[in-house]
Amino acid sequence: MGLYKKIILPWCLDKACGTNAITKQREKIIPLASGVVLEIGIGSGLNIPHYDSKKVIKVLGLEPDEKMWKKSIKKRDYSDLSIERIGLSGEEVPLKNNSVDNVVVTYSLCTIPDAVKALLEMKRVLRPGGKIFFSEHGKAPDIQIQKQQNFIDPLWGKIAGGCHTGRDIPFLFKQAGLKFEFLEEMYIPGPKVLSYNYWGAAFA
């Protein structure tokens, strides 16, 4: 299990989150960010190529896993962005209130144990007028797919780093007192239990 978590799982997650379908989702959201940006779960840096370096002053990448951060080194080296790592979990952001212009979170809310607490932290560090740009997989609209999500969720979480297949993403944002500037949703290519996506922008 140690080998799996240290080597196999990070490689699998990087490949799974780097598919063409998910890359297209990133392309819809990441270029909208500007100013000082906090990215929750920067991981291996899959979002880095999609930032607009003319609009972004700095990216503060929250990433607790040292190995995942090291996997991002090539993307960081090829980027014109100023990127700084923050090493704690998404549920505790070591930044002052009203300290970032935007927050980016992509395919991370599924794994954070207390997603609402994490969203409240994102809300806290946002400056007035700031936005949270997100793209996440979550609860499907079809009852049969929901049943499949519920069925595989316990096992999937164990083999996929704590990922939950069917979190109700819009409801999580509402629980954190966030509103949507825009919200879109649809199935993207892939297994339906894992491919219903929500993306958009939220604000306090």
N, C-alpha and C. Protein backbone atom coordinates (compact mmCIF):
# COMPACT_ATOMS: atom_id res chain seq x y z
N MET A 1 0.83 -1.21 0.00
CA MET A 1 0.00 0.00 0.00
C MET A 1 0.86 1.26 0.00
N GLY A 2 2.04 1.18 0.69
CA GLY A 2 2.94 2.32 0.72
C GLY A 2 3.44 2.69 -0.67
N LEU A 3 3.85 1.67 -1.44
CA LEU A 3 4.31 1.88 -2.82
C LEU A 3 3.19 2.46 -3.66
N TYR A 4 1.98 1.95 -3.47
CA TYR A 4 0.83 2.41 -4.25
C TYR A 4 0.59 3.90 -4.00
N LYS A 5 0.56 4.32 -2.73
CA LYS A 5 0.27 5.71 -2.39
C LYS A 5 1.39 6.66 -2.81
N LYS A 6 2.63 6.19 -2.71
CA LYS A 6 3.76 7.06 -2.98
C LYS A 6 4.07 7.22 -4.46
N ILE A 7 3.88 6.14 -5.23
CA ILE A 7 4.32 6.15 -6.63
C ILE A 7 3.16 5.95 -7.61
N ILE A 8 2.40 4.88 -7.41
CA ILE A 8 1.38 4.52 -8.40
C ILE A 8 0.22 5.50 -8.40
N LEU A 9 -0.32 5.84 -7.21
CA LEU A 9 -1.47 6.72 -7.12
C LEU A 9 -1.19 8.10 -7.70
N PRO A 10 -0.08 8.79 -7.34
CA PRO A 10 0.17 10.10 -7.95
C PRO A 10 0.26 10.05 -9.47
N TRP A 11 0.87 8.98 -9.99
CA TRP A 11 0.97 8.84 -11.45
C TRP A 11 -0.42 8.67 -12.07
N CYS A 12 -1.25 7.83 -11.44
CA CYS A 12 -2.61 7.58 -11.95
C CYS A 12 -3.46 8.85 -11.91
N LEU A 13 -3.37 9.58 -10.80
CA LEU A 13 -4.16 10.81 -10.67
C LEU A 13 -3.74 11.84 -11.71
N ASP A 14 -2.44 11.94 -11.94
CA ASP A 14 -1.93 12.90 -12.92
C ASP A 14 -2.45 12.56 -14.31
N LYS A 15 -2.44 11.28 -14.66
CA LYS A 15 -2.93 10.87 -15.98
C LYS A 15 -4.44 11.05 -16.10
N ALA A 16 -5.17 10.69 -15.04
CA ALA A 16 -6.63 10.79 -15.07
C ALA A 16 -7.09 12.24 -15.16
N CYS A 17 -6.36 13.13 -14.50
CA CYS A 17 -6.75 14.55 -14.49
C CYS A 17 -6.14 15.32 -15.65
N GLY A 18 -5.41 14.62 -16.51
CA GLY A 18 -4.80 15.27 -17.66
C GLY A 18 -5.37 14.81 -18.99
N THR A 19 -6.55 14.18 -18.96
CA THR A 19 -7.17 13.74 -20.21
C THR A 19 -7.58 14.94 -21.06
N ASN A 20 -7.82 14.71 -22.34
CA ASN A 20 -8.24 15.79 -23.23
C ASN A 20 -9.54 16.44 -22.76
N ALA A 21 -10.46 15.62 -22.28
CA ALA A 21 -11.76 16.16 -21.85
C ALA A 21 -11.60 17.09 -20.66
N ILE A 22 -10.78 16.70 -19.70
CA ILE A 22 -10.58 17.54 -18.52
C ILE A 22 -9.72 18.75 -18.86
N THR A 23 -8.77 18.59 -19.77
CA THR A 23 -7.97 19.73 -20.21
C THR A 23 -8.86 20.80 -20.83
N LYS A 24 -9.86 20.38 -21.61
CA LYS A 24 -10.79 21.35 -22.19
C LYS A 24 -11.57 22.09 -21.12
N GLN A 25 -11.89 21.40 -20.03
CA GLN A 25 -12.57 22.06 -18.91
C GLN A 25 -11.66 23.11 -18.27
N ARG A 26 -10.41 22.77 -18.11
CA ARG A 26 -9.45 23.73 -17.55
C ARG A 26 -9.35 24.97 -18.44
N GLU A 27 -9.36 24.75 -19.74
CA GLU A 27 -9.24 25.86 -20.69
C GLU A 27 -10.41 26.84 -20.61
N LYS A 28 -11.55 26.37 -20.11
CA LYS A 28 -12.71 27.25 -19.97
C LYS A 28 -12.60 28.17 -18.76
N ILE A 29 -11.86 27.73 -17.75
CA ILE A 29 -11.88 28.39 -16.45
C ILE A 29 -10.59 29.14 -16.11
N ILE A 30 -9.46 28.49 -16.29
CA ILE A 30 -8.20 29.04 -15.78
C ILE A 30 -7.84 30.40 -16.38
N PRO A 31 -8.05 30.64 -17.69
CA PRO A 31 -7.68 31.95 -18.24
C PRO A 31 -8.49 33.12 -17.67
N LEU A 32 -9.56 32.84 -16.94
CA LEU A 32 -10.37 33.91 -16.36
C LEU A 32 -9.73 34.51 -15.12
N ALA A 33 -8.81 33.78 -14.51
CA ALA A 33 -8.18 34.24 -13.26
C ALA A 33 -7.21 35.39 -13.53
N SER A 34 -7.11 36.30 -12.54
CA SER A 34 -6.21 37.44 -12.69
C SER A 34 -5.72 37.90 -11.32
N GLY A 35 -4.71 38.77 -11.34
CA GLY A 35 -4.17 39.31 -10.09
C GLY A 35 -3.38 38.28 -9.31
N VAL A 36 -3.50 38.35 -7.99
CA VAL A 36 -2.89 37.35 -7.11
C VAL A 36 -3.88 36.20 -6.97
N VAL A 37 -3.47 35.01 -7.40
CA VAL A 37 -4.37 33.86 -7.47
C VAL A 37 -3.93 32.79 -6.49
N LEU A 38 -4.88 32.31 -5.71
CA LEU A 38 -4.66 31.13 -4.86
C LEU A 38 -5.22 29.92 -5.58
N GLU A 39 -4.36 28.93 -5.86
CA GLU A 39 -4.85 27.69 -6.46
C GLU A 39 -4.85 26.60 -5.40
N ILE A 40 -6.02 26.01 -5.16
CA ILE A 40 -6.17 24.95 -4.18
C ILE A 40 -5.83 23.62 -4.84
N GLY A 41 -4.82 22.92 -4.30
CA GLY A 41 -4.45 21.63 -4.86
C GLY A 41 -3.76 21.76 -6.20
N ILE A 42 -2.69 22.54 -6.26
CA ILE A 42 -2.01 22.77 -7.53
C ILE A 42 -1.40 21.49 -8.09
N GLY A 43 -1.10 20.52 -7.21
CA GLY A 43 -0.67 19.20 -7.66
C GLY A 43 0.51 19.23 -8.59
N SER A 44 0.39 18.53 -9.71
CA SER A 44 1.48 18.42 -10.68
C SER A 44 1.49 19.58 -11.67
N GLY A 45 0.66 20.58 -11.43
CA GLY A 45 0.71 21.80 -12.25
C GLY A 45 -0.08 21.75 -13.54
N LEU A 46 -1.12 20.94 -13.60
CA LEU A 46 -1.87 20.81 -14.85
C LEU A 46 -2.57 22.10 -15.27
N ASN A 47 -2.83 23.00 -14.30
CA ASN A 47 -3.47 24.27 -14.67
C ASN A 47 -2.47 25.32 -15.14
N ILE A 48 -1.21 25.15 -14.80
CA ILE A 48 -0.22 26.19 -15.04
C ILE A 48 -0.18 26.68 -16.50
N PRO A 49 -0.20 25.81 -17.51
CA PRO A 49 -0.12 26.29 -18.89
C PRO A 49 -1.32 27.12 -19.33
N HIS A 50 -2.42 27.07 -18.56
CA HIS A 50 -3.65 27.73 -19.00
C HIS A 50 -3.87 29.11 -18.39
N TYR A 51 -3.01 29.51 -17.46
CA TYR A 51 -3.11 30.87 -16.91
C TYR A 51 -2.66 31.90 -17.95
N ASP A 52 -3.29 33.06 -17.92
CA ASP A 52 -2.88 34.17 -18.77
C ASP A 52 -1.82 34.97 -18.01
N SER A 53 -0.56 34.82 -18.40
CA SER A 53 0.53 35.46 -17.67
C SER A 53 0.48 36.98 -17.74
N LYS A 54 -0.29 37.52 -18.69
CA LYS A 54 -0.43 38.98 -18.79
C LYS A 54 -1.41 39.51 -17.74
N LYS A 55 -2.25 38.62 -17.21
CA LYS A 55 -3.27 39.04 -16.24
C LYS A 55 -2.92 38.63 -14.81
N VAL A 56 -2.11 37.59 -14.65
CA VAL A 56 -1.83 37.03 -13.34
C VAL A 56 -0.53 37.59 -12.78
N ILE A 57 -0.58 38.14 -11.57
CA ILE A 57 0.60 38.68 -10.90
C ILE A 57 1.40 37.55 -10.25
N LYS A 58 0.71 36.67 -9.56
CA LYS A 58 1.36 35.58 -8.85
C LYS A 58 0.35 34.47 -8.61
N VAL A 59 0.82 33.22 -8.63
CA VAL A 59 0.00 32.07 -8.25
C VAL A 59 0.54 31.51 -6.94
N LEU A 60 -0.31 31.45 -5.94
CA LEU A 60 0.03 30.81 -4.67
C LEU A 60 -0.57 29.41 -4.72
N GLY A 61 0.27 28.41 -4.86
CA GLY A 61 -0.21 27.05 -5.06
C GLY A 61 -0.26 26.28 -3.75
N LEU A 62 -1.46 25.99 -3.29
CA LEU A 62 -1.61 25.21 -2.07
C LEU A 62 -1.49 23.73 -2.40
N GLU A 63 -0.47 23.08 -1.87
CA GLU A 63 -0.23 21.67 -2.17
C GLU A 63 0.48 21.00 -0.99
N PRO A 64 -0.23 20.14 -0.25
CA PRO A 64 0.39 19.49 0.90
C PRO A 64 1.35 18.36 0.56
N ASP A 65 1.25 17.82 -0.65
CA ASP A 65 2.05 16.65 -1.02
C ASP A 65 3.34 17.07 -1.72
N GLU A 66 4.47 16.83 -1.07
CA GLU A 66 5.77 17.22 -1.62
C GLU A 66 6.05 16.56 -2.96
N LYS A 67 5.67 15.29 -3.10
CA LYS A 67 5.94 14.58 -4.36
C LYS A 67 5.13 15.16 -5.51
N MET A 68 3.87 15.53 -5.25
CA MET A 68 3.06 16.13 -6.31
C MET A 68 3.64 17.49 -6.70
N TRP A 69 4.11 18.25 -5.71
CA TRP A 69 4.73 19.55 -6.01
C TRP A 69 5.97 19.37 -6.89
N LYS A 70 6.78 18.36 -6.59
CA LYS A 70 7.97 18.11 -7.40
C LYS A 70 7.60 17.74 -8.83
N LYS A 71 6.45 17.08 -9.01
CA LYS A 71 6.01 16.69 -10.36
C LYS A 71 5.67 17.91 -11.22
N SER A 72 5.45 19.06 -10.56
CA SER A 72 5.07 20.26 -11.32
C SER A 72 6.28 21.07 -11.77
N ILE A 73 7.49 20.62 -11.45
CA ILE A 73 8.66 21.47 -11.67
C ILE A 73 8.87 21.83 -13.14
N LYS A 74 8.63 20.90 -14.05
CA LYS A 74 8.82 21.20 -15.47
C LYS A 74 7.84 22.26 -15.95
N LYS A 75 6.59 22.14 -15.53
CA LYS A 75 5.60 23.13 -15.94
C LYS A 75 5.92 24.49 -15.33
N ARG A 76 6.41 24.50 -14.10
CA ARG A 76 6.78 25.77 -13.47
C ARG A 76 7.98 26.40 -14.18
N ASP A 77 8.94 25.57 -14.56
CA ASP A 77 10.14 26.07 -15.22
C ASP A 77 9.83 26.66 -16.60
N TYR A 78 8.84 26.09 -17.28
CA TYR A 78 8.49 26.57 -18.62
C TYR A 78 7.51 27.74 -18.59
N SER A 79 7.03 28.10 -17.41
CA SER A 79 6.03 29.14 -17.29
C SER A 79 6.67 30.50 -16.98
N ASP A 80 6.02 31.57 -17.45
CA ASP A 80 6.44 32.93 -17.12
C ASP A 80 5.85 33.40 -15.80
N LEU A 81 5.01 32.56 -15.19
CA LEU A 81 4.31 32.95 -13.97
C LEU A 81 5.24 32.93 -12.76
N SER A 82 4.93 33.80 -11.80
CA SER A 82 5.55 33.71 -10.48
C SER A 82 4.70 32.76 -9.65
N ILE A 83 5.27 31.61 -9.25
CA ILE A 83 4.52 30.57 -8.55
C ILE A 83 5.20 30.26 -7.22
N GLU A 84 4.41 30.31 -6.17
CA GLU A 84 4.91 30.05 -4.82
C GLU A 84 4.06 28.96 -4.17
N ARG A 85 4.71 28.05 -3.48
CA ARG A 85 3.98 26.96 -2.85
C ARG A 85 3.56 27.29 -1.42
N ILE A 86 2.33 26.90 -1.08
CA ILE A 86 1.84 26.91 0.29
C ILE A 86 1.56 25.46 0.64
N GLY A 87 2.08 24.97 1.75
CA GLY A 87 2.09 23.53 1.98
C GLY A 87 0.98 22.91 2.80
N LEU A 88 0.00 23.67 3.25
CA LEU A 88 -1.03 23.08 4.10
C LEU A 88 -2.22 22.59 3.29
N SER A 89 -3.20 21.99 3.98
CA SER A 89 -4.38 21.46 3.30
C SER A 89 -5.34 22.58 2.93
N GLY A 90 -6.28 22.28 2.03
CA GLY A 90 -7.25 23.28 1.58
C GLY A 90 -8.20 23.73 2.66
N GLU A 91 -8.28 22.96 3.75
CA GLU A 91 -9.19 23.33 4.82
C GLU A 91 -8.60 24.39 5.74
N GLU A 92 -7.29 24.61 5.65
CA GLU A 92 -6.63 25.63 6.44
C GLU A 92 -5.68 26.40 5.53
N VAL A 93 -6.09 27.57 5.09
CA VAL A 93 -5.28 28.36 4.17
C VAL A 93 -4.47 29.37 4.99
N PRO A 94 -3.13 29.29 4.96
CA PRO A 94 -2.30 30.17 5.77
C PRO A 94 -2.11 31.55 5.15
N LEU A 95 -3.21 32.21 4.88
CA LEU A 95 -3.18 33.56 4.31
C LEU A 95 -4.11 34.46 5.11
N LYS A 96 -3.85 35.76 5.05
CA LYS A 96 -4.68 36.73 5.76
C LYS A 96 -6.02 36.91 5.06
N ASN A 97 -6.98 37.43 5.79
CA ASN A 97 -8.28 37.77 5.20
C ASN A 97 -8.08 38.74 4.03
N ASN A 98 -8.91 38.60 3.00
CA ASN A 98 -8.94 39.55 1.88
C ASN A 98 -7.55 39.75 1.25
N SER A 99 -6.84 38.64 1.01
CA SER A 99 -5.45 38.75 0.55
C SER A 99 -5.22 38.30 -0.89
N VAL A 100 -6.22 37.70 -1.55
CA VAL A 100 -6.04 37.27 -2.95
C VAL A 100 -7.19 37.80 -3.81
N ASP A 101 -6.89 37.97 -5.08
CA ASP A 101 -7.90 38.50 -6.01
C ASP A 101 -8.85 37.41 -6.49
N ASN A 102 -8.32 36.22 -6.74
CA ASN A 102 -9.13 35.11 -7.21
C ASN A 102 -8.64 33.82 -6.60
N VAL A 103 -9.52 32.82 -6.55
CA VAL A 103 -9.16 31.47 -6.14
C VAL A 103 -9.49 30.53 -7.29
N VAL A 104 -8.64 29.56 -7.53
CA VAL A 104 -8.88 28.52 -8.54
C VAL A 104 -8.90 27.17 -7.84
N VAL A 105 -9.93 26.39 -8.10
CA VAL A 105 -9.98 25.03 -7.56
C VAL A 105 -10.55 24.11 -8.65
N THR A 106 -9.76 23.12 -9.05
CA THR A 106 -10.19 22.20 -10.09
C THR A 106 -9.93 20.76 -9.66
N TYR A 107 -10.96 19.95 -9.66
CA TYR A 107 -10.87 18.52 -9.37
C TYR A 107 -10.15 18.26 -8.04
N SER A 108 -10.49 19.08 -7.05
CA SER A 108 -9.92 18.95 -5.71
C SER A 108 -10.99 18.85 -4.63
N LEU A 109 -12.15 19.46 -4.86
CA LEU A 109 -13.21 19.43 -3.85
C LEU A 109 -13.70 18.00 -3.61
N CYS A 110 -13.48 17.12 -4.56
CA CYS A 110 -13.91 15.72 -4.40
C CYS A 110 -13.09 14.99 -3.34
N THR A 111 -11.87 15.48 -3.06
CA THR A 111 -10.98 14.76 -2.15
C THR A 111 -10.80 15.44 -0.79
N ILE A 112 -11.08 16.73 -0.69
CA ILE A 112 -10.90 17.44 0.58
C ILE A 112 -11.94 16.91 1.56
N PRO A 113 -11.53 16.40 2.72
CA PRO A 113 -12.48 15.80 3.67
C PRO A 113 -13.65 16.73 4.03
N ASP A 114 -13.37 17.97 4.37
CA ASP A 114 -14.42 18.93 4.71
C ASP A 114 -14.44 20.02 3.64
N ALA A 115 -15.17 19.75 2.57
CA ALA A 115 -15.17 20.66 1.42
C ALA A 115 -15.80 22.01 1.75
N VAL A 116 -16.81 22.01 2.62
CA VAL A 116 -17.46 23.28 2.98
C VAL A 116 -16.50 24.16 3.76
N LYS A 117 -15.77 23.56 4.68
CA LYS A 117 -14.77 24.32 5.45
C LYS A 117 -13.72 24.91 4.51
N ALA A 118 -13.31 24.13 3.52
CA ALA A 118 -12.33 24.62 2.55
C ALA A 118 -12.89 25.80 1.76
N LEU A 119 -14.15 25.71 1.35
CA LEU A 119 -14.78 26.80 0.61
C LEU A 119 -14.91 28.05 1.48
N LEU A 120 -15.18 27.87 2.75
CA LEU A 120 -15.25 29.01 3.68
C LEU A 120 -13.88 29.68 3.79
N GLU A 121 -12.81 28.89 3.77
CA GLU A 121 -11.47 29.45 3.79
C GLU A 121 -11.18 30.23 2.50
N MET A 122 -11.61 29.69 1.37
CA MET A 122 -11.44 30.40 0.10
C MET A 122 -12.19 31.74 0.14
N LYS A 123 -13.38 31.70 0.66
CA LYS A 123 -14.20 32.90 0.81
C LYS A 123 -13.51 33.93 1.71
N ARG A 124 -12.90 33.45 2.79
CA ARG A 124 -12.25 34.35 3.75
C ARG A 124 -11.08 35.10 3.13
N VAL A 125 -10.28 34.42 2.32
CA VAL A 125 -9.07 35.06 1.79
C VAL A 125 -9.33 35.91 0.55
N LEU A 126 -10.52 35.83 -0.02
CA LEU A 126 -10.86 36.62 -1.20
C LEU A 126 -11.02 38.10 -0.85
N ARG A 127 -10.47 38.94 -1.70
CA ARG A 127 -10.70 40.38 -1.57
C ARG A 127 -12.13 40.69 -2.04
N PRO A 128 -12.69 41.83 -1.59
CA PRO A 128 -14.02 42.22 -2.09
C PRO A 128 -14.05 42.25 -3.62
N GLY A 129 -15.05 41.63 -4.19
CA GLY A 129 -15.14 41.54 -5.64
C GLY A 129 -14.41 40.36 -6.24
N GLY A 130 -13.70 39.60 -5.40
CA GLY A 130 -12.96 38.45 -5.89
C GLY A 130 -13.88 37.28 -6.22
N LYS A 131 -13.36 36.33 -6.99
CA LYS A 131 -14.16 35.20 -7.44
C LYS A 131 -13.41 33.88 -7.25
N ILE A 132 -14.18 32.83 -7.11
CA ILE A 132 -13.65 31.47 -7.10
C ILE A 132 -13.99 30.84 -8.44
N PHE A 133 -12.98 30.51 -9.21
CA PHE A 133 -13.17 29.83 -10.49
C PHE A 133 -12.96 28.33 -10.27
N PHE A 134 -13.91 27.53 -10.72
CA PHE A 134 -13.85 26.11 -10.39
C PHE A 134 -14.30 25.23 -11.54
N SER A 135 -13.81 24.01 -11.53
CA SER A 135 -14.31 22.94 -12.39
C SER A 135 -14.15 21.65 -11.59
N GLU A 136 -15.24 20.94 -11.40
CA GLU A 136 -15.24 19.75 -10.54
C GLU A 136 -16.17 18.68 -11.12
N HIS A 137 -15.87 17.43 -10.84
CA HIS A 137 -16.83 16.37 -11.16
C HIS A 137 -17.68 16.13 -9.92
N GLY A 138 -18.90 15.62 -10.12
CA GLY A 138 -19.75 15.43 -8.96
C GLY A 138 -21.05 14.70 -9.27
N LYS A 139 -22.04 14.99 -8.48
CA LYS A 139 -23.32 14.29 -8.52
C LYS A 139 -23.99 14.40 -9.88
N ALA A 140 -24.31 13.26 -10.46
CA ALA A 140 -24.97 13.21 -11.76
C ALA A 140 -26.47 13.49 -11.59
N PRO A 141 -27.14 13.98 -12.64
CA PRO A 141 -28.56 14.27 -12.53
C PRO A 141 -29.44 13.03 -12.66
N ASP A 142 -28.89 11.94 -13.20
CA ASP A 142 -29.67 10.74 -13.46
C ASP A 142 -29.67 9.82 -12.24
N ILE A 143 -30.84 9.38 -11.84
CA ILE A 143 -30.98 8.57 -10.63
C ILE A 143 -30.14 7.30 -10.71
N GLN A 144 -30.16 6.62 -11.84
CA GLN A 144 -29.39 5.39 -11.97
C GLN A 144 -27.89 5.62 -11.82
N ILE A 145 -27.41 6.71 -12.39
CA ILE A 145 -25.99 7.04 -12.26
C ILE A 145 -25.67 7.41 -10.82
N GLN A 146 -26.59 8.12 -10.16
CA GLN A 146 -26.40 8.45 -8.74
C GLN A 146 -26.27 7.18 -7.90
N LYS A 147 -27.10 6.18 -8.19
CA LYS A 147 -27.03 4.92 -7.47
C LYS A 147 -25.67 4.25 -7.67
N GLN A 148 -25.17 4.31 -8.91
CA GLN A 148 -23.85 3.74 -9.19
C GLN A 148 -22.76 4.51 -8.45
N GLN A 149 -22.89 5.83 -8.41
CA GLN A 149 -21.92 6.64 -7.68
C GLN A 149 -21.90 6.27 -6.21
N ASN A 150 -23.08 6.14 -5.63
CA ASN A 150 -23.18 5.79 -4.21
C ASN A 150 -22.62 4.40 -3.93
N PHE A 151 -22.83 3.49 -4.89
CA PHE A 151 -22.38 2.11 -4.71
C PHE A 151 -20.86 2.00 -4.72
N ILE A 152 -20.21 2.69 -5.68
CA ILE A 152 -18.75 2.53 -5.81
C ILE A 152 -17.97 3.49 -4.92
N ASP A 153 -18.65 4.47 -4.34
CA ASP A 153 -17.95 5.53 -3.62
C ASP A 153 -17.01 5.03 -2.52
N PRO A 154 -17.44 4.11 -1.65
CA PRO A 154 -16.53 3.68 -0.57
C PRO A 154 -15.24 3.05 -1.09
N LEU A 155 -15.36 2.19 -2.10
CA LEU A 155 -14.17 1.55 -2.67
C LEU A 155 -13.34 2.56 -3.47
N TRP A 156 -14.02 3.38 -4.24
CA TRP A 156 -13.32 4.36 -5.08
C TRP A 156 -12.47 5.31 -4.23
N GLY A 157 -13.03 5.72 -3.09
CA GLY A 157 -12.29 6.60 -2.21
C GLY A 157 -10.98 6.00 -1.73
N LYS A 158 -11.00 4.68 -1.49
CA LYS A 158 -9.79 4.00 -0.99
C LYS A 158 -8.71 3.89 -2.06
N ILE A 159 -9.11 3.72 -3.31
CA ILE A 159 -8.11 3.52 -4.36
C ILE A 159 -7.76 4.81 -5.10
N ALA A 160 -8.53 5.88 -4.85
CA ALA A 160 -8.33 7.12 -5.62
C ALA A 160 -8.01 8.31 -4.71
N GLY A 161 -7.31 8.04 -3.62
CA GLY A 161 -6.83 9.14 -2.79
C GLY A 161 -7.91 9.92 -2.06
N GLY A 162 -9.02 9.25 -1.72
CA GLY A 162 -10.09 9.93 -1.00
C GLY A 162 -11.11 10.62 -1.87
N CYS A 163 -11.04 10.41 -3.17
CA CYS A 163 -11.99 11.04 -4.10
C CYS A 163 -13.41 10.50 -3.88
N HIS A 164 -14.38 11.42 -3.86
CA HIS A 164 -15.79 11.06 -3.80
C HIS A 164 -16.40 11.22 -5.18
N THR A 165 -17.17 10.23 -5.59
CA THR A 165 -17.68 10.23 -6.97
C THR A 165 -18.85 11.18 -7.20
N GLY A 166 -19.66 11.44 -6.16
CA GLY A 166 -20.91 12.14 -6.42
C GLY A 166 -21.24 13.28 -5.48
N ARG A 167 -20.26 14.09 -5.11
CA ARG A 167 -20.56 15.23 -4.25
C ARG A 167 -21.43 16.25 -5.00
N ASP A 168 -22.37 16.83 -4.27
CA ASP A 168 -23.27 17.83 -4.84
C ASP A 168 -22.54 19.18 -4.82
N ILE A 169 -21.84 19.49 -5.88
CA ILE A 169 -20.96 20.65 -5.92
C ILE A 169 -21.73 21.97 -5.71
N PRO A 170 -22.83 22.23 -6.42
CA PRO A 170 -23.55 23.48 -6.17
C PRO A 170 -24.01 23.63 -4.73
N PHE A 171 -24.44 22.53 -4.11
CA PHE A 171 -24.92 22.59 -2.73
C PHE A 171 -23.77 22.92 -1.78
N LEU A 172 -22.57 22.41 -2.04
CA LEU A 172 -21.42 22.73 -1.20
C LEU A 172 -21.14 24.23 -1.22
N PHE A 173 -21.20 24.83 -2.40
CA PHE A 173 -20.97 26.27 -2.51
C PHE A 173 -22.05 27.05 -1.74
N LYS A 174 -23.29 26.61 -1.87
CA LYS A 174 -24.38 27.29 -1.18
C LYS A 174 -24.25 27.16 0.33
N GLN A 175 -23.78 25.99 0.80
CA GLN A 175 -23.57 25.81 2.24
C GLN A 175 -22.51 26.76 2.77
N ALA A 176 -21.57 27.12 1.93
CA ALA A 176 -20.50 28.05 2.33
C ALA A 176 -20.92 29.51 2.14
N GLY A 177 -22.16 29.74 1.76
CA GLY A 177 -22.66 31.11 1.60
C GLY A 177 -22.15 31.79 0.35
N LEU A 178 -21.80 31.01 -0.67
CA LEU A 178 -21.30 31.56 -1.93
C LEU A 178 -22.41 31.58 -2.98
N LYS A 179 -22.34 32.56 -3.87
CA LYS A 179 -23.30 32.70 -4.95
C LYS A 179 -22.58 32.49 -6.28
N PHE A 180 -23.34 32.15 -7.30
CA PHE A 180 -22.75 31.87 -8.61
C PHE A 180 -22.89 33.05 -9.55
N GLU A 181 -21.77 33.46 -10.11
CA GLU A 181 -21.83 34.42 -11.22
C GLU A 181 -22.30 33.68 -12.47
N PHE A 182 -21.76 32.48 -12.65
CA PHE A 182 -22.30 31.57 -13.66
C PHE A 182 -21.97 30.15 -13.24
N LEU A 183 -22.81 29.24 -13.65
CA LEU A 183 -22.65 27.82 -13.33
C LEU A 183 -23.13 27.00 -14.52
N GLU A 184 -22.26 26.13 -15.01
CA GLU A 184 -22.62 25.25 -16.11
C GLU A 184 -22.35 23.80 -15.70
N GLU A 185 -23.03 22.89 -16.35
CA GLU A 185 -22.87 21.48 -15.99
C GLU A 185 -23.22 20.58 -17.16
N MET A 186 -22.51 19.47 -17.26
CA MET A 186 -22.81 18.48 -18.30
C MET A 186 -21.90 17.27 -18.10
N TYR A 187 -22.24 16.18 -18.78
CA TYR A 187 -21.33 15.05 -18.86
C TYR A 187 -20.21 15.40 -19.85
N ILE A 188 -18.98 15.10 -19.46
CA ILE A 188 -17.88 15.18 -20.41
C ILE A 188 -17.49 13.74 -20.76
N PRO A 189 -16.70 13.52 -21.83
CA PRO A 189 -16.34 12.16 -22.20
C PRO A 189 -15.68 11.41 -21.04
N GLY A 190 -16.11 10.16 -20.85
CA GLY A 190 -15.58 9.33 -19.78
C GLY A 190 -16.68 8.53 -19.12
N PRO A 191 -16.34 7.68 -18.16
CA PRO A 191 -17.37 6.90 -17.44
C PRO A 191 -18.35 7.84 -16.76
N LYS A 192 -19.64 7.59 -16.92
CA LYS A 192 -20.64 8.53 -16.42
C LYS A 192 -20.59 8.71 -14.91
N VAL A 193 -20.15 7.69 -14.18
CA VAL A 193 -20.09 7.83 -12.72
C VAL A 193 -19.05 8.85 -12.29
N LEU A 194 -18.13 9.19 -13.18
CA LEU A 194 -17.05 10.11 -12.83
C LEU A 194 -16.99 11.34 -13.73
N SER A 195 -17.91 11.47 -14.66
CA SER A 195 -17.73 12.49 -15.71
C SER A 195 -18.79 13.58 -15.74
N TYR A 196 -19.65 13.64 -14.70
CA TYR A 196 -20.57 14.78 -14.69
C TYR A 196 -19.84 15.97 -14.08
N ASN A 197 -19.69 17.03 -14.88
CA ASN A 197 -18.87 18.17 -14.46
C ASN A 197 -19.70 19.42 -14.19
N TYR A 198 -19.23 20.16 -13.18
CA TYR A 198 -19.76 21.48 -12.85
C TYR A 198 -18.61 22.48 -12.99
N TRP A 199 -18.85 23.61 -13.62
CA TRP A 199 -17.81 24.63 -13.68
C TRP A 199 -18.45 26.02 -13.71
N GLY A 200 -17.66 26.99 -13.25
CA GLY A 200 -18.20 28.34 -13.21
C GLY A 200 -17.38 29.27 -12.35
N ALA A 201 -18.05 30.33 -11.88
CA ALA A 201 -17.43 31.31 -11.01
C ALA A 201 -18.38 31.61 -9.86
N ALA A 202 -17.84 31.72 -8.66
CA ALA A 202 -18.65 32.01 -7.48
C ALA A 202 -18.06 33.19 -6.72
N PHE A 203 -18.91 33.85 -5.96
CA PHE A 203 -18.45 35.01 -5.18
C PHE A 203 -19.21 35.06 -3.85
N ALA A 204 -18.68 35.85 -2.91
CA ALA A 204 -19.28 35.94 -1.59
C ALA A 204 -20.54 36.81 -1.60
